[in-house]
Protein backbone atom coordinates (compact mmCIF):
# COMPACT_ATOMS: atom_id res chain seq x y z
CA MET A 1 -28.57 13.95 -11.04
CA ARG A 2 -26.24 11.25 -12.30
CA LYS A 3 -25.68 8.19 -10.11
CA ARG A 4 -22.15 7.87 -8.76
CA ARG A 5 -20.26 5.21 -10.67
CA THR A 6 -17.16 3.29 -9.71
CA PHE A 7 -14.43 2.26 -12.10
CA SER A 8 -11.80 -0.45 -11.74
CA ARG A 9 -8.14 0.43 -11.42
CA GLU A 10 -7.51 -1.20 -14.78
CA PHE A 11 -10.16 0.96 -16.45
CA LYS A 12 -8.68 4.13 -14.93
CA ARG A 13 -5.15 3.16 -15.93
CA GLU A 14 -6.19 2.32 -19.49
CA ALA A 15 -8.11 5.59 -19.86
CA ALA A 16 -5.11 7.58 -18.59
CA THR A 17 -2.80 5.62 -20.90
CA MET A 18 -4.93 6.58 -23.89
CA VAL A 19 -4.27 10.23 -23.07
CA LEU A 20 -0.64 9.96 -21.98
CA ASP A 21 0.83 7.35 -24.30
CA GLN A 22 -1.45 7.36 -27.31
CA GLY A 23 -1.85 11.12 -27.46
CA HIS A 24 -5.65 11.21 -27.65
CA PRO A 25 -7.26 14.46 -26.49
CA LEU A 26 -8.71 14.32 -22.99
CA ALA A 27 -12.12 15.58 -24.12
CA HIS A 28 -12.31 12.94 -26.86
CA ILE A 29 -11.57 10.09 -24.42
CA CYS A 30 -14.13 11.47 -21.96
CA LEU A 31 -16.85 11.35 -24.59
CA GLN A 32 -15.77 7.94 -25.84
CA LEU A 33 -15.72 6.38 -22.35
CA ASP A 34 -18.57 8.46 -20.88
CA VAL A 35 -16.56 9.79 -17.94
CA SER A 36 -16.21 13.32 -16.65
CA GLU A 37 -13.20 15.41 -17.62
CA ASN A 38 -12.46 16.01 -13.98
CA SER A 39 -12.25 12.26 -13.24
CA LEU A 40 -10.06 11.50 -16.23
CA ARG A 41 -7.79 14.45 -15.44
CA ARG A 42 -7.28 13.08 -11.90
CA TRP A 43 -6.50 9.59 -13.26
CA VAL A 44 -3.98 11.03 -15.71
CA GLN A 45 -2.30 13.03 -12.94
CA GLN A 46 -2.17 9.99 -10.69
CA VAL A 47 -0.60 7.79 -13.37
CA GLN A 48 1.97 10.50 -14.12
CA PHE A 49 2.73 10.81 -10.40
CA GLU A 50 3.14 7.05 -10.03
CA ARG A 51 5.31 6.76 -13.14
CA ASN A 52 7.62 9.38 -11.66
CA GLY A 53 8.09 7.22 -8.57
CA GLY A 54 5.51 8.81 -6.32
CA VAL A 55 3.59 6.57 -3.95
CA PRO A 56 -0.06 7.65 -3.80
CA GLU A 57 -2.10 7.89 -0.61
CA THR A 58 -5.04 6.20 -2.33
CA LYS A 59 -5.06 2.88 -4.16
CA ALA A 60 -2.37 2.82 -6.80
CA LEU A 61 -3.20 2.49 -10.48
CA THR A 62 0.11 1.12 -11.76
CA ASP A 63 1.24 -2.43 -10.98
CA GLU A 64 4.58 -1.27 -9.59
CA GLN A 65 3.01 1.15 -7.15
CA ARG A 66 0.45 -1.46 -6.05
CA GLU A 67 3.34 -3.82 -5.26
CA ILE A 68 5.11 -1.06 -3.31
CA GLN A 69 1.93 -0.42 -1.31
CA LYS A 70 1.59 -4.13 -0.50
CA LEU A 71 5.22 -4.32 0.60
CA LYS A 72 4.89 -1.22 2.77
CA ALA A 73 1.78 -2.68 4.40
CA ARG A 74 3.69 -5.92 5.09
CA ILE A 75 6.58 -3.96 6.60
CA ASN A 76 4.17 -2.09 8.88
CA GLU A 77 2.59 -5.38 9.96
CA LEU A 78 5.98 -6.92 10.76
CA GLU A 79 7.07 -3.80 12.67
CA ARG A 80 3.88 -4.00 14.78
CA ASP A 81 4.52 -7.67 15.48
CA LYS A 82 8.11 -6.94 16.43
CA SER A 83 7.02 -4.15 18.76
CA ILE A 84 4.48 -6.41 20.47
CA LEU A 85 7.07 -9.16 20.95
CA LYS A 86 9.61 -6.67 22.24
CA LYS A 87 7.15 -5.34 24.83
CA ALA A 88 6.09 -8.85 25.82
CA THR A 89 9.65 -10.08 26.40
CA ALA A 90 11.06 -6.90 27.96
CA PRO A 91 10.38 -7.88 31.62
CA TYR A 92 12.29 -11.14 31.16
CA SER A 93 15.28 -10.01 29.16
CA PRO A 94 17.42 -8.48 31.95
CA CYS A 95 16.84 -11.42 34.32
CA ILE A 96 19.43 -14.08 34.83
CA PHE A 97 17.99 -17.32 36.09
CA LEU A 98 20.22 -19.24 38.45
CA ILE A 99 19.61 -22.91 38.89
CA ILE A 100 20.64 -24.02 42.30
CA PRO A 101 21.10 -27.76 42.69
CA SER A 102 19.26 -27.75 46.04
CA ASP A 103 16.10 -26.66 44.18
CA PHE A 104 16.06 -30.06 42.52
CA GLY A 105 16.68 -32.08 45.63
CA PHE A 106 20.39 -32.43 45.09
CA VAL A 107 22.56 -31.93 48.07
CA GLY A 108 26.15 -31.30 47.37
């Protein structure tokens, strides 16, 4: 049984680009790069999906989609922070504090 290998995003993107943009047959690229047809087919589909504006659930292969994923993660983080601050300040927001001069020792 073959040991499971991992490939970088750049490698996957380049392999898919060879099929999509350069017109090389999928089987030829698989032999050349020593990857399974199933893996390369998935990479090609993912790059096509991302190029058409889709945001993948897994790690993106294209630079644009990676940037979108980072920005979405940052938005989620800021929304969580905002929610925490909102909950923390909620008990104090409707209160109106009155300062009475007698509290400070002033008699008027």
